[in-house]
C-alpha atoms as a PDB file:
ATOM      1  CA  MET A   1       0.190  63.698  69.272  1.00  0.00           C
ATOM      2  CA  LYS A   2      -3.048  61.667  68.847  1.00  0.00           C
ATOM      3  CA  ILE A   3      -2.664  57.936  67.809  1.00  0.00           C
ATOM      4  CA  THR A   4      -5.755  56.233  66.374  1.00  0.00           C
ATOM      5  CA  LYS A   5      -5.803  52.479  65.875  1.00  0.00           C
ATOM      6  CA  TYR A   6      -7.706  50.837  62.957  1.00  0.00           C
ATOM      7  CA  GLU A   7      -8.258  47.235  62.337  1.00  0.00           C
ATOM      8  CA  HIS A   8      -5.158  44.975  62.425  1.00  0.00           C
ATOM      9  CA  ALA A   9      -1.996  46.933  61.864  1.00  0.00           C
ATOM     10  CA  CYS A  10      -3.158  50.369  60.612  1.00  0.00           C
ATOM     11  CA  LEU A  11      -2.358  53.472  62.737  1.00  0.00           C
ATOM     12  CA  THR A  12      -2.646  57.260  62.169  1.00  0.00           C
ATOM     13  CA  ILE A  13      -0.738  59.899  64.162  1.00  0.00           C
ATOM     14  CA  GLU A  14      -2.154  63.448  64.202  1.00  0.00           C
ATOM     15  CA  ILE A  15      -0.203  66.448  65.155  1.00  0.00           C
ATOM     16  CA  ASN A  16      -1.517  69.997  64.660  1.00  0.00           C
ATOM     17  CA  ASN A  17      -4.331  68.628  62.324  1.00  0.00           C
ATOM     18  CA  ARG A  18      -1.790  66.968  60.149  1.00  0.00           C
ATOM     19  CA  ILE A  19      -1.754  63.166  59.717  1.00  0.00           C
ATOM     20  CA  LEU A  20       0.812  60.411  59.320  1.00  0.00           C
ATOM     21  CA  VAL A  21      -0.617  56.965  58.138  1.00  0.00           C
ATOM     22  CA  ILE A  22       1.105  53.692  58.915  1.00  0.00           C
ATOM     23  CA  ASP A  23       0.390  50.343  57.143  1.00  0.00           C
ATOM     24  CA  PRO A  24      -3.131  50.941  55.548  1.00  0.00           C
ATOM     25  CA  GLY A  25      -3.754  47.311  54.686  1.00  0.00           C
ATOM     26  CA  VAL A  26      -6.697  45.202  53.309  1.00  0.00           C
ATOM     27  CA  PHE A  27      -7.983  44.387  56.819  1.00  0.00           C
ATOM     28  CA  SER A  28      -8.211  48.140  57.925  1.00  0.00           C
ATOM     29  CA  SER A  29     -11.727  48.657  56.540  1.00  0.00           C
ATOM     30  CA  SER A  30     -12.674  51.448  58.835  1.00  0.00           C
ATOM     31  CA  PHE A  31      -9.702  53.698  57.794  1.00  0.00           C
ATOM     32  CA  ALA A  32     -10.825  56.449  55.390  1.00  0.00           C
ATOM     33  CA  PRO A  33      -8.382  58.968  53.961  1.00  0.00           C
ATOM     34  CA  SER A  34      -8.733  62.558  54.585  1.00  0.00           C
ATOM     35  CA  ASP A  35      -7.127  65.576  52.739  1.00  0.00           C
ATOM     36  CA  ASN A  36      -4.588  66.425  55.579  1.00  0.00           C
ATOM     37  CA  ILE A  37      -2.190  63.542  55.221  1.00  0.00           C
ATOM     38  CA  ASP A  38       1.525  64.510  55.105  1.00  0.00           C
ATOM     39  CA  ALA A  39       3.035  61.070  54.908  1.00  0.00           C
ATOM     40  CA  ILE A  40       2.502  57.412  54.603  1.00  0.00           C
ATOM     41  CA  VAL A  41       4.727  54.603  56.038  1.00  0.00           C
ATOM     42  CA  ILE A  42       4.442  51.069  54.599  1.00  0.00           C
ATOM     43  CA  THR A  43       6.719  48.746  56.583  1.00  0.00           C
ATOM     44  CA  HIS A  44       6.576  45.841  54.192  1.00  0.00           C
ATOM     45  CA  GLU A  45       4.821  44.308  51.175  1.00  0.00           C
ATOM     46  CA  HIS A  46       2.345  41.915  52.780  1.00  0.00           C
ATOM     47  CA  ALA A  47      -1.443  42.838  51.915  1.00  0.00           C
ATOM     48  CA  ASP A  48      -2.440  43.248  55.553  1.00  0.00           C
ATOM     49  CA  HIS A  49      -0.011  46.297  55.551  1.00  0.00           C
ATOM     50  CA  PHE A  50      -0.090  47.551  52.049  1.00  0.00           C
ATOM     51  CA  ASP A  51      -3.379  47.884  50.079  1.00  0.00           C
ATOM     52  CA  PRO A  52      -2.629  49.557  46.850  1.00  0.00           C
ATOM     53  CA  GLU A  53      -6.195  50.778  46.539  1.00  0.00           C
ATOM     54  CA  LYS A  54      -5.953  52.635  49.745  1.00  0.00           C
ATOM     55  CA  ILE A  55      -2.666  54.276  48.537  1.00  0.00           C
ATOM     56  CA  VAL A  56      -4.518  55.554  45.403  1.00  0.00           C
ATOM     57  CA  SER A  57      -7.402  56.895  47.544  1.00  0.00           C
ATOM     58  CA  ILE A  58      -5.019  58.565  49.875  1.00  0.00           C
ATOM     59  CA  THR A  59      -2.744  60.212  47.119  1.00  0.00           C
ATOM     60  CA  ALA A  60      -5.900  61.282  45.278  1.00  0.00           C
ATOM     61  CA  LEU A  61      -6.786  63.606  48.087  1.00  0.00           C
ATOM     62  CA  ASN A  62      -3.165  64.279  49.024  1.00  0.00           C
ATOM     63  CA  PRO A  63      -1.045  64.522  45.870  1.00  0.00           C
ATOM     64  CA  ASN A  64       2.077  65.881  47.790  1.00  0.00           C
ATOM     65  CA  THR A  65       2.086  63.191  50.476  1.00  0.00           C
ATOM     66  CA  VAL A  66       5.382  61.608  51.144  1.00  0.00           C
ATOM     67  CA  ILE A  67       5.434  57.746  51.011  1.00  0.00           C
ATOM     68  CA  PHE A  68       8.083  55.726  52.751  1.00  0.00           C
ATOM     69  CA  ALA A  69       8.277  52.093  51.754  1.00  0.00           C
ATOM     70  CA  THR A  70      10.475  49.086  51.212  1.00  0.00           C
ATOM     71  CA  GLU A  71      12.131  48.619  47.978  1.00  0.00           C
ATOM     72  CA  LYS A  72       9.619  46.146  46.550  1.00  0.00           C
ATOM     73  CA  VAL A  73       6.550  48.237  47.635  1.00  0.00           C
ATOM     74  CA  SER A  74       8.236  51.397  46.392  1.00  0.00           C
ATOM     75  CA  SER A  75       8.522  49.866  42.923  1.00  0.00           C
ATOM     76  CA  GLN A  76       4.845  49.885  42.777  1.00  0.00           C
ATOM     77  CA  ILE A  77       4.311  53.400  43.920  1.00  0.00           C
ATOM     78  CA  PRO A  78       5.596  56.268  41.791  1.00  0.00           C
ATOM     79  CA  ASN A  79       7.904  58.909  43.652  1.00  0.00           C
ATOM     80  CA  SER A  80       7.954  56.890  46.855  1.00  0.00           C
ATOM     81  CA  VAL A  81      10.973  56.783  49.015  1.00  0.00           C
ATOM     82  CA  VAL A  82      13.091  53.877  50.334  1.00  0.00           C
ATOM     83  CA  PRO A  83      14.509  55.142  53.562  1.00  0.00           C
ATOM     84  CA  ASN A  84      17.821  54.246  55.055  1.00  0.00           C
ATOM     85  CA  THR A  85      17.462  52.520  58.400  1.00  0.00           C
ATOM     86  CA  ASP A  86      18.891  54.507  61.395  1.00  0.00           C
ATOM     87  CA  GLU A  87      18.252  57.756  59.496  1.00  0.00           C
ATOM     88  CA  LYS A  88      15.718  60.506  60.435  1.00  0.00           C
ATOM     89  CA  LYS A  89      13.330  62.242  58.115  1.00  0.00           C
ATOM     90  CA  THR A  90      11.345  65.353  58.941  1.00  0.00           C
ATOM     91  CA  ILE A  91       8.034  65.821  57.167  1.00  0.00           C
ATOM     92  CA  GLY A  92       6.214  68.845  58.649  1.00  0.00           C
ATOM     93  CA  ASP A  93       5.700  68.137  62.346  1.00  0.00           C
ATOM     94  CA  PHE A  94       6.704  64.438  62.118  1.00  0.00           C
ATOM     95  CA  VAL A  95      10.245  63.325  62.834  1.00  0.00           C
ATOM     96  CA  LEU A  96      10.645  59.794  61.557  1.00  0.00           C
ATOM     97  CA  GLN A  97      13.318  57.361  62.382  1.00  0.00           C
ATOM     98  CA  PHE A  98      13.537  53.974  60.575  1.00  0.00           C
ATOM     99  CA  PHE A  99      15.102  50.779  61.931  1.00  0.00           C
ATOM    100  CA  GLY A 100      15.388  47.051  61.315  1.00  0.00           C
ATOM    101  CA  HIS A 101      15.673  45.225  57.987  1.00  0.00           C
ATOM    102  CA  ASN A 102      13.772  42.017  57.872  1.00  0.00           C
ATOM    103  CA  HIS A 103      10.378  40.598  58.499  1.00  0.00           C
ATOM    104  CA  ALA A 104      10.358  37.863  61.185  1.00  0.00           C
ATOM    105  CA  PRO A 105      10.662  34.345  59.861  1.00  0.00           C
ATOM    106  CA  ILE A 106       7.465  32.418  59.477  1.00  0.00           C
ATOM    107  CA  VAL A 107       9.383  29.328  58.781  1.00  0.00           C
ATOM    108  CA  ASP A 108      12.812  28.888  60.567  1.00  0.00           C
ATOM    109  CA  ASP A 109      15.754  30.756  58.780  1.00  0.00           C
ATOM    110  CA  ILE A 110      13.601  31.973  55.928  1.00  0.00           C
ATOM    111  CA  VAL A 111      13.200  35.681  55.770  1.00  0.00           C
ATOM    112  CA  PRO A 112       9.723  36.358  54.132  1.00  0.00           C
ATOM    113  CA  CYS A 113      10.617  39.884  52.871  1.00  0.00           C
ATOM    114  CA  ASN A 114      12.207  43.286  53.939  1.00  0.00           C
ATOM    115  CA  ASN A 115      10.547  45.079  56.843  1.00  0.00           C
ATOM    116  CA  PHE A 116      11.393  48.252  58.766  1.00  0.00           C
ATOM    117  CA  GLY A 117      10.125  49.666  61.957  1.00  0.00           C
ATOM    118  CA  ILE A 118       9.526  53.299  62.727  1.00  0.00           C
ATOM    119  CA  VAL A 119       9.887  55.751  65.670  1.00  0.00           C
ATOM    120  CA  VAL A 120       7.744  58.816  65.385  1.00  0.00           C
ATOM    121  CA  ASN A 121       8.939  61.943  67.189  1.00  0.00           C
ATOM    122  CA  ASP A 122      11.031  59.909  69.680  1.00  0.00           C
ATOM    123  CA  THR A 123       7.607  58.776  71.230  1.00  0.00           C
ATOM    124  CA  LEU A 124       5.817  55.972  69.297  1.00  0.00           C
ATOM    125  CA  VAL A 125       7.645  52.895  68.150  1.00  0.00           C
ATOM    126  CA  TYR A 126       6.047  50.533  65.717  1.00  0.00           C
ATOM    127  CA  PRO A 127       8.156  47.697  64.547  1.00  0.00           C
ATOM    128  CA  GLY A 128       6.128  46.280  61.575  1.00  0.00           C
ATOM    129  CA  ASP A 129       6.291  42.629  61.491  1.00  0.00           C
ATOM    130  CA  SER A 130       9.327  42.156  63.510  1.00  0.00           C
ATOM    131  CA  PHE A 131      10.683  42.332  67.114  1.00  0.00           C
ATOM    132  CA  GLU A 132      13.649  44.405  66.216  1.00  0.00           C
ATOM    133  CA  VAL A 133      14.862  46.522  69.168  1.00  0.00           C
ATOM    134  CA  PRO A 134      14.328  50.185  68.394  1.00  0.00           C
ATOM    135  CA  PRO A 135      17.242  52.683  68.694  1.00  0.00           C
ATOM    136  CA  THR A 136      15.383  54.462  71.637  1.00  0.00           C
ATOM    137  CA  ARG A 137      13.272  53.384  74.640  1.00  0.00           C
ATOM    138  CA  PRO A 138       9.729  53.699  73.533  1.00  0.00           C
ATOM    139  CA  GLN A 139       7.373  55.985  75.393  1.00  0.00           C
ATOM    140  CA  ILE A 140       4.584  54.114  73.519  1.00  0.00           C
ATOM    141  CA  LEU A 141       5.077  50.669  71.986  1.00  0.00           C
ATOM    142  CA  ALA A 142       2.593  49.490  69.328  1.00  0.00           C
ATOM    143  CA  THR A 143       3.475  45.717  69.476  1.00  0.00           C
ATOM    144  CA  PRO A 144       2.231  42.935  67.250  1.00  0.00           C
ATOM    145  CA  VAL A 145       0.428  40.383  69.175  1.00  0.00           C
ATOM    146  CA  SER A 146      -0.871  37.682  66.829  1.00  0.00           C
ATOM    147  CA  ALA A 147       0.526  36.207  63.606  1.00  0.00           C
ATOM    148  CA  PRO A 148       1.840  33.077  62.074  1.00  0.00           C
ATOM    149  CA  TRP A 149       5.307  34.302  62.776  1.00  0.00           C
ATOM    150  CA  LEU A 150       5.075  34.951  66.489  1.00  0.00           C
ATOM    151  CA  LYS A 151       3.983  33.278  69.830  1.00  0.00           C
ATOM    152  CA  VAL A 152       3.012  35.205  72.919  1.00  0.00           C
ATOM    153  CA  ASN A 153       6.325  34.660  74.599  1.00  0.00           C
ATOM    154  CA  ASP A 154       7.870  36.631  71.798  1.00  0.00           C
ATOM    155  CA  VAL A 155       5.767  39.527  72.662  1.00  0.00           C
ATOM    156  CA  MET A 156       6.469  39.351  76.287  1.00  0.00           C
ATOM    157  CA  GLN A 157      10.283  39.214  75.638  1.00  0.00           C
ATOM    158  CA  TYR A 158       9.982  42.142  73.321  1.00  0.00           C
ATOM    159  CA  ILE A 159       8.217  44.189  76.119  1.00  0.00           C
ATOM    160  CA  ALA A 160      10.818  42.993  78.549  1.00  0.00           C
ATOM    161  CA  SER A 161      13.879  44.124  76.251  1.00  0.00           C
ATOM    162  CA  THR A 162      12.348  47.470  75.240  1.00  0.00           C
ATOM    163  CA  LYS A 163      10.718  48.560  78.502  1.00  0.00           C
ATOM    164  CA  PRO A 164       8.196  50.978  77.155  1.00  0.00           C
ATOM    165  CA  ALA A 165       6.238  53.291  79.337  1.00  0.00           C
ATOM    166  CA  LYS A 166       2.909  52.322  77.582  1.00  0.00           C
ATOM    167  CA  VAL A 167       1.903  49.355  75.356  1.00  0.00           C
ATOM    168  CA  PHE A 168      -1.018  48.860  73.088  1.00  0.00           C
ATOM    169  CA  PRO A 169      -1.658  45.747  70.770  1.00  0.00           C
ATOM    170  CA  THR A 170      -1.604  45.798  67.009  1.00  0.00           C
ATOM    171  CA  HIS A 171      -1.721  43.067  64.414  1.00  0.00           C
ATOM    172  CA  ASN A 172      -4.553  41.333  66.168  1.00  0.00           C
ATOM    173  CA  ALA A 173      -7.162  40.741  63.393  1.00  0.00           C
ATOM    174  CA  LEU A 174      -6.488  36.909  63.611  1.00  0.00           C
ATOM    175  CA  LEU A 175      -7.604  36.736  67.288  1.00  0.00           C
ATOM    176  CA  SER A 176     -11.001  35.624  68.299  1.00  0.00           C
ATOM    177  CA  GLU A 177     -12.631  37.337  71.228  1.00  0.00           C
ATOM    178  CA  ALA A 178     -11.559  34.282  73.363  1.00  0.00           C
ATOM    179  CA  GLY A 179      -8.122  34.334  71.964  1.00  0.00           C
ATOM    180  CA  GLN A 180      -7.799  38.040  72.602  1.00  0.00           C
ATOM    181  CA  SER A 181      -8.612  37.578  76.196  1.00  0.00           C
ATOM    182  CA  VAL A 182      -6.132  34.795  76.862  1.00  0.00           C
ATOM    183  CA  THR A 183      -3.360  36.514  74.756  1.00  0.00           C
ATOM    184  CA  TYR A 184      -3.896  39.990  76.372  1.00  0.00           C
ATOM    185  CA  ASN A 185      -3.632  38.392  80.010  1.00  0.00           C
ATOM    186  CA  TRP A 186      -0.174  37.196  79.182  1.00  0.00           C
ATOM    187  CA  ILE A 187       0.812  40.664  77.621  1.00  0.00           C
ATOM    188  CA  ARG A 188      -0.578  42.398  80.718  1.00  0.00           C
ATOM    189  CA  LYS A 189       1.661  40.146  82.776  1.00  0.00           C
ATOM    190  CA  ALA A 190       4.727  41.189  80.952  1.00  0.00           C
ATOM    191  CA  CYS A 191       3.732  44.707  81.251  1.00  0.00           C
ATOM    192  CA  ASP A 192       3.344  44.483  84.974  1.00  0.00           C
ATOM    193  CA  GLU A 193       6.847  43.065  85.155  1.00  0.00           C
ATOM    194  CA  ALA A 194       8.458  45.677  82.979  1.00  0.00           C
ATOM    195  CA  ASN A 195       6.530  48.551  84.778  1.00  0.00           C
ATOM    196  CA  SER A 196       4.741  49.242  81.545  1.00  0.00           C
ATOM    197  CA  GLU A 197       1.022  50.499  81.256  1.00  0.00           C
ATOM    198  CA  PHE A 198      -1.058  48.140  79.077  1.00  0.00           C
ATOM    199  CA  ILE A 199      -3.693  50.048  76.973  1.00  0.00           C
ATOM    200  CA  ASP A 200      -6.263  47.857  75.349  1.00  0.00           C
ATOM    201  CA  LEU A 201      -6.771  50.310  72.461  1.00  0.00           C
ATOM    202  CA  GLN A 202      -9.797  49.215  70.258  1.00  0.00           C
ATOM    203  CA  THR A 203     -10.520  49.994  66.673  1.00  0.00           C
ATOM    204  CA  SER A 204     -11.073  53.700  66.004  1.00  0.00           C
ATOM    205  CA  GLU A 205     -10.067  54.555  69.449  1.00  0.00           C
ATOM    206  CA  ASN A 206      -7.310  57.045  70.097  1.00  0.00           C
ATOM    207  CA  LEU A 207      -4.608  57.818  72.521  1.00  0.00           C
ATOM    208  CA  SER A 208      -3.276  61.404  73.124  1.00  0.00           C
ATOM    209  CA  VAL A 209       0.124  62.076  74.391  1.00  0.00           C
END
């Protein structure tokens, strides 16, 4: 499994030259679709996770790709699938398990929209815009690190509660270079306390497991 990070919240996972795309949003400018994409996962409707133009580009090259999305996103994409949380779906070499229901509040007690997280092949956990605890302990956790809806202590508590073997940051487009340095120092501290390995995965870099 090869995990590649793009700007902000977009990831691709490659197994046997087949690809799963997660959250191709408007900030993910370096992501370019290929013709070997088996599935797309869109965790929620916000533009930094869902860019309709990118979906059109992907499906033009991959007309049989399977798209999993929340109900509101699915209403905009013909033939897409709204998954049941806690169920597993197998698409080629990818085994996908969905969890969670709602986007984390930006304003107290107001849920912005539906959101689900995903577990890929019992290895990679990506929660979308939430800190929902996944159904399995992550081998690799792609954690959000900067947003109007979080503070760094939330990230630290999420790492402490999930105890992943490895952690890399996502959802980081709003951080300046200085802000990233400060934020990542706190996340490294949480990783040290949880005996997790912190991986500062940069745009277009990949991690093989």
